PDB file of N, CA and C in Angstrom:
ATOM      1  N   MET A   1      -2.572   8.510   8.844  1.00  0.00           N
ATOM      2  CA  MET A   1      -2.126   7.484   9.747  1.00  0.00           C
ATOM      3  C   MET A   1      -2.111   6.143   9.024  1.00  0.00           C
ATOM      4  N   LEU A   2      -1.259   5.239   9.512  1.00  0.00           N
ATOM      5  CA  LEU A   2      -1.209   3.900   8.941  1.00  0.00           C
ATOM      6  C   LEU A   2      -2.240   3.003   9.612  1.00  0.00           C
ATOM      7  N   TYR A   3      -2.733   2.024   8.830  1.00  0.00           N
ATOM      8  CA  TYR A   3      -3.680   1.036   9.316  1.00  0.00           C
ATOM      9  C   TYR A   3      -3.273  -0.332   8.797  1.00  0.00           C
ATOM     10  N   SER A   4      -3.455  -1.348   9.637  1.00  0.00           N
ATOM     11  CA  SER A   4      -3.244  -2.721   9.190  1.00  0.00           C
ATOM     12  C   SER A   4      -4.602  -3.328   8.862  1.00  0.00           C
ATOM     13  N   ILE A   5      -4.629  -4.027   7.758  1.00  0.00           N
ATOM     14  CA  ILE A   5      -5.828  -4.736   7.323  1.00  0.00           C
ATOM     15  C   ILE A   5      -5.422  -6.197   7.213  1.00  0.00           C
ATOM     16  N   VAL A   6      -5.897  -6.993   8.152  1.00  0.00           N
ATOM     17  CA  VAL A   6      -5.542  -8.406   8.219  1.00  0.00           C
ATOM     18  C   VAL A   6      -6.791  -9.219   7.904  1.00  0.00           C
ATOM     19  N   SER A   7      -6.667 -10.052   6.890  1.00  0.00           N
ATOM     20  CA  SER A   7      -7.826 -10.805   6.402  1.00  0.00           C
ATOM     21  C   SER A   7      -7.567 -12.296   6.491  1.00  0.00           C
ATOM     22  N   ASP A   8      -8.592 -13.035   6.866  1.00  0.00           N
ATOM     23  CA  ASP A   8      -8.541 -14.493   6.929  1.00  0.00           C
ATOM     24  C   ASP A   8      -9.433 -15.063   5.840  1.00  0.00           C
ATOM     25  N   ASP A   9      -8.882 -15.985   5.071  1.00  0.00           N
ATOM     26  CA  ASP A   9      -9.636 -16.606   3.973  1.00  0.00           C
ATOM     27  C   ASP A   9     -10.654 -17.625   4.478  1.00  0.00           C
ATOM     28  N   VAL A  10     -11.676 -17.841   3.668  1.00  0.00           N
ATOM     29  CA  VAL A  10     -12.568 -18.976   3.853  1.00  0.00           C
ATOM     30  C   VAL A  10     -11.805 -20.228   3.426  1.00  0.00           C
ATOM     31  N   GLN A  11     -12.316 -21.393   3.755  1.00  0.00           N
ATOM     32  CA  GLN A  11     -11.721 -22.647   3.290  1.00  0.00           C
ATOM     33  C   GLN A  11     -11.803 -22.716   1.766  1.00  0.00           C
ATOM     34  N   ASP A  12     -10.792 -23.294   1.158  1.00  0.00           N
ATOM     35  CA  ASP A  12     -10.789 -23.522  -0.294  1.00  0.00           C
ATOM     36  C   ASP A  12     -11.051 -22.247  -1.089  1.00  0.00           C
ATOM     37  N   SER A  13     -10.307 -21.197  -0.764  1.00  0.00           N
ATOM     38  CA  SER A  13     -10.509 -19.890  -1.394  1.00  0.00           C
ATOM     39  C   SER A  13      -9.756 -19.689  -2.704  1.00  0.00           C
ATOM     40  N   LEU A  14      -8.895 -20.630  -3.075  1.00  0.00           N
ATOM     41  CA  LEU A  14      -7.962 -20.398  -4.180  1.00  0.00           C
ATOM     42  C   LEU A  14      -8.645 -20.002  -5.488  1.00  0.00           C
ATOM     43  N   GLU A  15      -9.682 -20.686  -5.892  1.00  0.00           N
ATOM     44  CA  GLU A  15     -10.338 -20.357  -7.165  1.00  0.00           C
ATOM     45  C   GLU A  15     -10.989 -18.978  -7.106  1.00  0.00           C
ATOM     46  N   ARG A  16     -11.590 -18.643  -5.986  1.00  0.00           N
ATOM     47  CA  ARG A  16     -12.175 -17.304  -5.829  1.00  0.00           C
ATOM     48  C   ARG A  16     -11.081 -16.240  -5.875  1.00  0.00           C
ATOM     49  N   ARG A  17      -9.949 -16.524  -5.230  1.00  0.00           N
ATOM     50  CA  ARG A  17      -8.814 -15.594  -5.254  1.00  0.00           C
ATOM     51  C   ARG A  17      -8.357 -15.347  -6.687  1.00  0.00           C
ATOM     52  N   LYS A  18      -8.175 -16.423  -7.415  1.00  0.00           N
ATOM     53  CA  LYS A  18      -7.707 -16.296  -8.807  1.00  0.00           C
ATOM     54  C   LYS A  18      -8.647 -15.428  -9.633  1.00  0.00           C
ATOM     55  N   ALA A  19      -9.934 -15.622  -9.454  1.00  0.00           N
ATOM     56  CA  ALA A  19     -10.920 -14.884 -10.251  1.00  0.00           C
ATOM     57  C   ALA A  19     -10.929 -13.396  -9.906  1.00  0.00           C
ATOM     58  N   ALA A  20     -10.776 -13.057  -8.627  1.00  0.00           N
ATOM     59  CA  ALA A  20     -10.875 -11.658  -8.189  1.00  0.00           C
ATOM     60  C   ALA A  20      -9.519 -10.952  -8.134  1.00  0.00           C
ATOM     61  N   ARG A  21      -8.429 -11.673  -8.342  1.00  0.00           N
ATOM     62  CA  ARG A  21      -7.089 -11.117  -8.156  1.00  0.00           C
ATOM     63  C   ARG A  21      -6.793  -9.882  -9.007  1.00  0.00           C
ATOM     64  N   PRO A  22      -7.120  -9.840 -10.287  1.00  0.00           N
ATOM     65  CA  PRO A  22      -6.793  -8.639 -11.075  1.00  0.00           C
ATOM     66  C   PRO A  22      -7.397  -7.360 -10.487  1.00  0.00           C
ATOM     67  N   ASP A  23      -8.651  -7.402 -10.070  1.00  0.00           N
ATOM     68  CA  ASP A  23      -9.291  -6.219  -9.489  1.00  0.00           C
ATOM     69  C   ASP A  23      -8.698  -5.897  -8.115  1.00  0.00           C
ATOM     70  N   HIS A  24      -8.399  -6.927  -7.340  1.00  0.00           N
ATOM     71  CA  HIS A  24      -7.775  -6.751  -6.024  1.00  0.00           C
ATOM     72  C   HIS A  24      -6.417  -6.056  -6.179  1.00  0.00           C
ATOM     73  N   LEU A  25      -5.595  -6.546  -7.100  1.00  0.00           N
ATOM     74  CA  LEU A  25      -4.275  -5.953  -7.322  1.00  0.00           C
ATOM     75  C   LEU A  25      -4.370  -4.523  -7.842  1.00  0.00           C
ATOM     76  N   ALA A  26      -5.339  -4.242  -8.675  1.00  0.00           N
ATOM     77  CA  ALA A  26      -5.497  -2.887  -9.220  1.00  0.00           C
ATOM     78  C   ALA A  26      -5.723  -1.875  -8.101  1.00  0.00           C
ATOM     79  N   ARG A  27      -6.499  -2.239  -7.098  1.00  0.00           N
ATOM     80  CA  ARG A  27      -6.734  -1.330  -5.965  1.00  0.00           C
ATOM     81  C   ARG A  27      -5.454  -1.120  -5.159  1.00  0.00           C
ATOM     82  N   LEU A  28      -4.692  -2.195  -4.966  1.00  0.00           N
ATOM     83  CA  LEU A  28      -3.423  -2.073  -4.243  1.00  0.00           C
ATOM     84  C   LEU A  28      -2.418  -1.231  -5.032  1.00  0.00           C
ATOM     85  N   GLU A  29      -2.389  -1.417  -6.339  1.00  0.00           N
ATOM     86  CA  GLU A  29      -1.490  -0.622  -7.175  1.00  0.00           C
ATOM     87  C   GLU A  29      -1.860   0.854  -7.125  1.00  0.00           C
ATOM     88  N   LYS A  30      -3.126   1.163  -7.016  1.00  0.00           N
ATOM     89  CA  LYS A  30      -3.556   2.559  -6.891  1.00  0.00           C
ATOM     90  C   LYS A  30      -3.028   3.157  -5.583  1.00  0.00           C
ATOM     91  N   LEU A  31      -3.147   2.405  -4.479  1.00  0.00           N
ATOM     92  CA  LEU A  31      -2.578   2.873  -3.212  1.00  0.00           C
ATOM     93  C   LEU A  31      -1.069   3.092  -3.342  1.00  0.00           C
ATOM     94  N   ARG A  32      -0.397   2.144  -3.991  1.00  0.00           N
ATOM     95  CA  ARG A  32       1.044   2.269  -4.204  1.00  0.00           C
ATOM     96  C   ARG A  32       1.377   3.525  -5.010  1.00  0.00           C
ATOM     97  N   ASP A  33       0.657   3.725  -6.090  1.00  0.00           N
ATOM     98  CA  ASP A  33       0.914   4.866  -6.959  1.00  0.00           C
ATOM     99  C   ASP A  33       0.665   6.194  -6.246  1.00  0.00           C
ATOM    100  N   GLU A  34      -0.233   6.192  -5.270  1.00  0.00           N
ATOM    101  CA  GLU A  34      -0.507   7.380  -4.465  1.00  0.00           C
ATOM    102  C   GLU A  34       0.490   7.555  -3.310  1.00  0.00           C
ATOM    103  N   GLY A  35       1.421   6.595  -3.173  1.00  0.00           N
ATOM    104  CA  GLY A  35       2.417   6.661  -2.110  1.00  0.00           C
ATOM    105  C   GLY A  35       1.874   6.294  -0.735  1.00  0.00           C
ATOM    106  N   ARG A  36       0.763   5.565  -0.691  1.00  0.00           N
ATOM    107  CA  ARG A  36       0.103   5.248   0.579  1.00  0.00           C
ATOM    108  C   ARG A  36       0.301   3.807   1.027  1.00  0.00           C
ATOM    109  N   LEU A  37       0.836   2.946   0.177  1.00  0.00           N
ATOM    110  CA  LEU A  37       0.986   1.533   0.495  1.00  0.00           C
ATOM    111  C   LEU A  37       2.357   1.262   1.092  1.00  0.00           C
ATOM    112  N   VAL A  38       2.386   0.681   2.287  1.00  0.00           N
ATOM    113  CA  VAL A  38       3.638   0.287   2.931  1.00  0.00           C
ATOM    114  C   VAL A  38       3.995  -1.133   2.507  1.00  0.00           C
ATOM    115  N   LEU A  39       3.032  -2.043   2.591  1.00  0.00           N
ATOM    116  CA  LEU A  39       3.244  -3.424   2.153  1.00  0.00           C
ATOM    117  C   LEU A  39       1.918  -4.122   1.979  1.00  0.00           C
ATOM    118  N   ALA A  40       1.950  -5.176   1.197  1.00  0.00           N
ATOM    119  CA  ALA A  40       0.751  -5.986   0.981  1.00  0.00           C
ATOM    120  C   ALA A  40       1.173  -7.352   0.484  1.00  0.00           C
ATOM    121  N   GLY A  41       0.455  -8.367   0.930  1.00  0.00           N
ATOM    122  CA  GLY A  41       0.739  -9.704   0.437  1.00  0.00           C
ATOM    123  C   GLY A  41      -0.100 -10.753   1.126  1.00  0.00           C
ATOM    124  N   PRO A  42      -0.115 -11.957   0.521  1.00  0.00           N
ATOM    125  CA  PRO A  42      -0.884 -13.063   1.072  1.00  0.00           C
ATOM    126  C   PRO A  42      -0.053 -13.910   2.036  1.00  0.00           C
ATOM    127  N   SER A  43      -0.753 -14.733   2.798  1.00  0.00           N
ATOM    128  CA  SER A  43      -0.120 -15.709   3.689  1.00  0.00           C
ATOM    129  C   SER A  43      -0.306 -17.094   3.069  1.00  0.00           C
ATOM    130  N   PRO A  44       0.784 -17.694   2.571  1.00  0.00           N
ATOM    131  CA  PRO A  44       0.660 -19.028   1.990  1.00  0.00           C
ATOM    132  C   PRO A  44       0.183 -20.048   3.030  1.00  0.00           C
ATOM    133  N   ALA A  45      -0.583 -21.024   2.582  1.00  0.00           N
ATOM    134  CA  ALA A  45      -1.106 -22.053   3.479  1.00  0.00           C
ATOM    135  C   ALA A  45      -0.038 -23.057   3.895  1.00  0.00           C
ATOM    136  N   VAL A  46       1.069 -23.086   3.173  1.00  0.00           N
ATOM    137  CA  VAL A  46       2.200 -23.956   3.498  1.00  0.00           C
ATOM    138  C   VAL A  46       3.465 -23.112   3.507  1.00  0.00           C
ATOM    139  N   ASP A  47       4.530 -23.650   4.034  1.00  0.00           N
ATOM    140  CA  ASP A  47       5.792 -22.929   4.175  1.00  0.00           C
ATOM    141  C   ASP A  47       6.538 -22.874   2.845  1.00  0.00           C
ATOM    142  N   ALA A  48       6.006 -22.064   1.920  1.00  0.00           N
ATOM    143  CA  ALA A  48       6.604 -21.926   0.596  1.00  0.00           C
ATOM    144  C   ALA A  48       6.111 -20.633  -0.024  1.00  0.00           C
ATOM    145  N   ASN A  49       6.971 -19.985  -0.822  1.00  0.00           N
ATOM    146  CA  ASN A  49       6.554 -18.778  -1.519  1.00  0.00           C
ATOM    147  C   ASN A  49       5.431 -19.057  -2.505  1.00  0.00           C
ATOM    148  N   ASP A  50       5.490 -20.207  -3.163  1.00  0.00           N
ATOM    149  CA  ASP A  50       4.429 -20.617  -4.085  1.00  0.00           C
ATOM    150  C   ASP A  50       3.747 -21.843  -3.499  1.00  0.00           C
ATOM    151  N   PRO A  51       2.606 -21.645  -2.865  1.00  0.00           N
ATOM    152  CA  PRO A  51       1.955 -22.773  -2.202  1.00  0.00           C
ATOM    153  C   PRO A  51       1.195 -23.709  -3.138  1.00  0.00           C
ATOM    154  N   GLY A  52       1.161 -23.376  -4.417  1.00  0.00           N
ATOM    155  CA  GLY A  52       0.441 -24.219  -5.372  1.00  0.00           C
ATOM    156  C   GLY A  52      -1.011 -24.376  -4.997  1.00  0.00           C
ATOM    157  N   GLU A  53      -1.500 -25.588  -5.087  1.00  0.00           N
ATOM    158  CA  GLU A  53      -2.911 -25.861  -4.823  1.00  0.00           C
ATOM    159  C   GLU A  53      -3.288 -25.723  -3.350  1.00  0.00           C
ATOM    160  N   ALA A  54      -2.281 -25.634  -2.457  1.00  0.00           N
ATOM    161  CA  ALA A  54      -2.583 -25.422  -1.031  1.00  0.00           C
ATOM    162  C   ALA A  54      -3.215 -24.051  -0.821  1.00  0.00           C
ATOM    163  N   GLY A  55      -2.858 -23.101  -1.690  1.00  0.00           N
ATOM    164  CA  GLY A  55      -3.464 -21.778  -1.645  1.00  0.00           C
ATOM    165  C   GLY A  55      -2.974 -20.904  -0.512  1.00  0.00           C
ATOM    166  N   PHE A  56      -3.844 -20.041  -0.032  1.00  0.00           N
ATOM    167  CA  PHE A  56      -3.488 -19.036   0.953  1.00  0.00           C
ATOM    168  C   PHE A  56      -4.502 -19.040   2.094  1.00  0.00           C
ATOM    169  N   THR A  57      -4.061 -18.534   3.239  1.00  0.00           N
ATOM    170  CA  THR A  57      -4.943 -18.498   4.410  1.00  0.00           C
ATOM    171  C   THR A  57      -5.413 -17.091   4.745  1.00  0.00           C
ATOM    172  N   GLY A  58      -4.885 -16.093   4.052  1.00  0.00           N
ATOM    173  CA  GLY A  58      -5.270 -14.720   4.325  1.00  0.00           C
ATOM    174  C   GLY A  58      -4.328 -13.735   3.672  1.00  0.00           C
ATOM    175  N   SER A  59      -4.457 -12.470   4.076  1.00  0.00           N
ATOM    176  CA  SER A  59      -3.646 -11.396   3.501  1.00  0.00           C
ATOM    177  C   SER A  59      -3.397 -10.318   4.548  1.00  0.00           C
ATOM    178  N   VAL A  60      -2.343  -9.536   4.297  1.00  0.00           N
ATOM    179  CA  VAL A  60      -2.031  -8.383   5.140  1.00  0.00           C
ATOM    180  C   VAL A  60      -1.793  -7.183   4.232  1.00  0.00           C
ATOM    181  N   VAL A  61      -2.398  -6.052   4.594  1.00  0.00           N
ATOM    182  CA  VAL A  61      -2.150  -4.784   3.917  1.00  0.00           C
ATOM    183  C   VAL A  61      -1.853  -3.764   5.005  1.00  0.00           C
ATOM    184  N   ILE A  62      -0.783  -3.007   4.819  1.00  0.00           N
ATOM    185  CA  ILE A  62      -0.519  -1.862   5.687  1.00  0.00           C
ATOM    186  C   ILE A  62      -0.431  -0.649   4.778  1.00  0.00           C
ATOM    187  N   ALA A  63      -1.322   0.309   5.032  1.00  0.00           N
ATOM    188  CA  ALA A  63      -1.420   1.473   4.155  1.00  0.00           C
ATOM    189  C   ALA A  63      -1.898   2.685   4.937  1.00  0.00           C
ATOM    190  N   GLU A  64      -1.723   3.837   4.317  1.00  0.00           N
ATOM    191  CA  GLU A  64      -2.126   5.100   4.930  1.00  0.00           C
ATOM    192  C   GLU A  64      -3.537   5.482   4.491  1.00  0.00           C
ATOM    193  N   PHE A  65      -4.341   5.867   5.482  1.00  0.00           N
ATOM    194  CA  PHE A  65      -5.690   6.368   5.236  1.00  0.00           C
ATOM    195  C   PHE A  65      -5.916   7.572   6.134  1.00  0.00           C
ATOM    196  N   ASP A  66      -6.915   8.374   5.831  1.00  0.00           N
ATOM    197  CA  ASP A  66      -7.217   9.557   6.634  1.00  0.00           C
ATOM    198  C   ASP A  66      -7.815   9.219   7.993  1.00  0.00           C
ATOM    199  N   SER A  67      -8.496   8.058   8.073  1.00  0.00           N
ATOM    200  CA  SER A  67      -9.153   7.695   9.325  1.00  0.00           C
ATOM    201  C   SER A  67      -9.397   6.196   9.343  1.00  0.00           C
ATOM    202  N   LEU A  68      -9.721   5.690  10.530  1.00  0.00           N
ATOM    203  CA  LEU A  68     -10.092   4.288  10.664  1.00  0.00           C
ATOM    204  C   LEU A  68     -11.319   3.980   9.816  1.00  0.00           C
ATOM    205  N   GLN A  69     -12.258   4.911   9.768  1.00  0.00           N
ATOM    206  CA  GLN A  69     -13.469   4.707   8.967  1.00  0.00           C
ATOM    207  C   GLN A  69     -13.130   4.592   7.479  1.00  0.00           C
ATOM    208  N   ASP A  70     -12.183   5.410   7.004  1.00  0.00           N
ATOM    209  CA  ASP A  70     -11.773   5.327   5.599  1.00  0.00           C
ATOM    210  C   ASP A  70     -11.078   4.002   5.302  1.00  0.00           C
ATOM    211  N   ALA A  71     -10.230   3.565   6.233  1.00  0.00           N
ATOM    212  CA  ALA A  71      -9.541   2.285   6.062  1.00  0.00           C
ATOM    213  C   ALA A  71     -10.549   1.143   6.044  1.00  0.00           C
ATOM    214  N   GLN A  72     -11.542   1.189   6.937  1.00  0.00           N
ATOM    215  CA  GLN A  72     -12.558   0.146   6.988  1.00  0.00           C
ATOM    216  C   GLN A  72     -13.395   0.138   5.714  1.00  0.00           C
ATOM    217  N   ALA A  73     -13.752   1.305   5.231  1.00  0.00           N
ATOM    218  CA  ALA A  73     -14.541   1.387   3.995  1.00  0.00           C
ATOM    219  C   ALA A  73     -13.754   0.829   2.816  1.00  0.00           C
ATOM    220  N   TRP A  74     -12.457   1.136   2.767  1.00  0.00           N
ATOM    221  CA  TRP A  74     -11.611   0.611   1.689  1.00  0.00           C
ATOM    222  C   TRP A  74     -11.565  -0.905   1.774  1.00  0.00           C
ATOM    223  N   ALA A  75     -11.364  -1.432   2.980  1.00  0.00           N
ATOM    224  CA  ALA A  75     -11.302  -2.883   3.172  1.00  0.00           C
ATOM    225  C   ALA A  75     -12.631  -3.548   2.806  1.00  0.00           C
ATOM    226  N   ASP A  76     -13.731  -2.944   3.185  1.00  0.00           N
ATOM    227  CA  ASP A  76     -15.055  -3.514   2.909  1.00  0.00           C
ATOM    228  C   ASP A  76     -15.351  -3.597   1.416  1.00  0.00           C
ATOM    229  N   ALA A  77     -14.730  -2.729   0.624  1.00  0.00           N
ATOM    230  CA  ALA A  77     -14.976  -2.695  -0.818  1.00  0.00           C
ATOM    231  C   ALA A  77     -13.980  -3.546  -1.613  1.00  0.00           C
ATOM    232  N   ASP A  78     -13.118  -4.272  -0.922  1.00  0.00           N
ATOM    233  CA  ASP A  78     -12.110  -5.092  -1.601  1.00  0.00           C
ATOM    234  C   ASP A  78     -12.788  -6.162  -2.461  1.00  0.00           C
ATOM    235  N   PRO A  79     -12.314  -6.370  -3.680  1.00  0.00           N
ATOM    236  CA  PRO A  79     -12.885  -7.421  -4.528  1.00  0.00           C
ATOM    237  C   PRO A  79     -12.831  -8.811  -3.893  1.00  0.00           C
ATOM    238  N   PHE A  80     -11.843  -9.070  -3.038  1.00  0.00           N
ATOM    239  CA  PHE A  80     -11.803 -10.363  -2.348  1.00  0.00           C
ATOM    240  C   PHE A  80     -12.957 -10.483  -1.357  1.00  0.00           C
ATOM    241  N   VAL A  81     -13.361  -9.394  -0.735  1.00  0.00           N
ATOM    242  CA  VAL A  81     -14.525  -9.413   0.155  1.00  0.00           C
ATOM    243  C   VAL A  81     -15.776  -9.698  -0.669  1.00  0.00           C
ATOM    244  N   ILE A  82     -15.923  -8.980  -1.766  1.00  0.00           N
ATOM    245  CA  ILE A  82     -17.097  -9.121  -2.624  1.00  0.00           C
ATOM    246  C   ILE A  82     -17.198 -10.532  -3.209  1.00  0.00           C
ATOM    247  N   ALA A  83     -16.030 -11.135  -3.534  1.00  0.00           N
ATOM    248  CA  ALA A  83     -16.010 -12.472  -4.130  1.00  0.00           C
ATOM    249  C   ALA A  83     -16.128 -13.591  -3.092  1.00  0.00           C
ATOM    250  N   GLY A  84     -16.160 -13.240  -1.815  1.00  0.00           N
ATOM    251  CA  GLY A  84     -16.289 -14.260  -0.780  1.00  0.00           C
ATOM    252  C   GLY A  84     -14.992 -14.974  -0.446  1.00  0.00           C
ATOM    253  N   VAL A  85     -13.849 -14.361  -0.748  1.00  0.00           N
ATOM    254  CA  VAL A  85     -12.544 -14.942  -0.415  1.00  0.00           C
ATOM    255  C   VAL A  85     -12.303 -14.866   1.091  1.00  0.00           C
ATOM    256  N   TYR A  86     -12.653 -13.760   1.686  1.00  0.00           N
ATOM    257  CA  TYR A  86     -12.355 -13.527   3.095  1.00  0.00           C
ATOM    258  C   TYR A  86     -13.517 -13.905   4.004  1.00  0.00           C
ATOM    259  N   ALA A  87     -13.187 -14.620   5.073  1.00  0.00           N
ATOM    260  CA  ALA A  87     -14.156 -14.936   6.117  1.00  0.00           C
ATOM    261  C   ALA A  87     -14.199 -13.830   7.155  1.00  0.00           C
ATOM    262  N   LYS A  88     -13.051 -13.160   7.351  1.00  0.00           N
ATOM    263  CA  LYS A  88     -12.945 -12.135   8.384  1.00  0.00           C
ATOM    264  C   LYS A  88     -11.903 -11.105   7.960  1.00  0.00           C
ATOM    265  N   VAL A  89     -12.196  -9.833   8.211  1.00  0.00           N
ATOM    266  CA  VAL A  89     -11.266  -8.742   7.932  1.00  0.00           C
ATOM    267  C   VAL A  89     -11.205  -7.861   9.177  1.00  0.00           C
ATOM    268  N   THR A  90      -9.978  -7.637   9.671  1.00  0.00           N
ATOM    269  CA  THR A  90      -9.775  -6.808  10.850  1.00  0.00           C
ATOM    270  C   THR A  90      -8.941  -5.594  10.460  1.00  0.00           C
ATOM    271  N   VAL A  91      -9.447  -4.409  10.778  1.00  0.00           N
ATOM    272  CA  VAL A  91      -8.750  -3.158  10.467  1.00  0.00           C
ATOM    273  C   VAL A  91      -8.408  -2.472  11.784  1.00  0.00           C
ATOM    274  N   LYS A  92      -7.111  -2.125  11.941  1.00  0.00           N
ATOM    275  CA  LYS A  92      -6.653  -1.477  13.174  1.00  0.00           C
ATOM    276  C   LYS A  92      -5.632  -0.392  12.832  1.00  0.00           C
ATOM    277  N   PRO A  93      -5.537   0.629  13.674  1.00  0.00           N
ATOM    278  CA  PRO A  93      -4.446   1.584  13.516  1.00  0.00           C
ATOM    279  C   PRO A  93      -3.112   0.852  13.669  1.00  0.00           C
ATOM    280  N   PHE A  94      -2.094   1.341  12.967  1.00  0.00           N
ATOM    281  CA  PHE A  94      -0.784   0.702  12.978  1.00  0.00           C
ATOM    282  C   PHE A  94       0.292   1.769  13.157  1.00  0.00           C
ATOM    283  N   LYS A  95       1.202   1.523  14.079  1.00  0.00           N
ATOM    284  CA  LYS A  95       2.311   2.450  14.304  1.00  0.00           C
ATOM    285  C   LYS A  95       3.605   1.788  13.847  1.00  0.00           C
ATOM    286  N   LYS A  96       4.189   2.309  12.788  1.00  0.00           N
ATOM    287  CA  LYS A  96       5.448   1.773  12.278  1.00  0.00           C
ATOM    288  C   LYS A  96       6.581   2.249  13.181  1.00  0.00           C
ATOM    289  N   VAL A  97       7.376   1.295  13.659  1.00  0.00           N
ATOM    290  CA  VAL A  97       8.518   1.615  14.497  1.00  0.00           C
ATOM    291  C   VAL A  97       9.821   1.306  13.754  1.00  0.00           C
ATOM    292  N   LEU A  98       9.923   0.152  13.116  1.00  0.00           N
ATOM    293  CA  LEU A  98      11.118  -0.247  12.367  1.00  0.00           C
ATOM    294  C   LEU A  98      10.724  -0.785  11.014  1.00  0.00           C
ATOM    295  N   PRO A  99      11.505  -0.803  10.023  1.00  0.00           N
ATOM    296  CA  PRO A  99      12.767  -0.059   9.932  1.00  0.00           C
ATOM    297  C   PRO A  99      12.498   1.406   9.715  1.00  0.00           C
TER     298      PRO A  99
END
């Protein structure tokens, strides 16, 4: 089943994001390589693809897991969680309708 993982950053998270990004991306690439990743990306803090020093306010991941517990465990082990980038992470079942 698909699950959405929606994360909200702490204030001034940009430097922490930069430091943990390689490990964070490696986990997402593994999901992609396994054919389980639907989409993933950050939410810029300003209306621009490259927010510069404004940074990001959070992230969204939609991926396939065997259960809600597996999705939650994956989210809890994210390098951004460990590095203190995220203030809050919400994991919910997701039903893809379109496209």
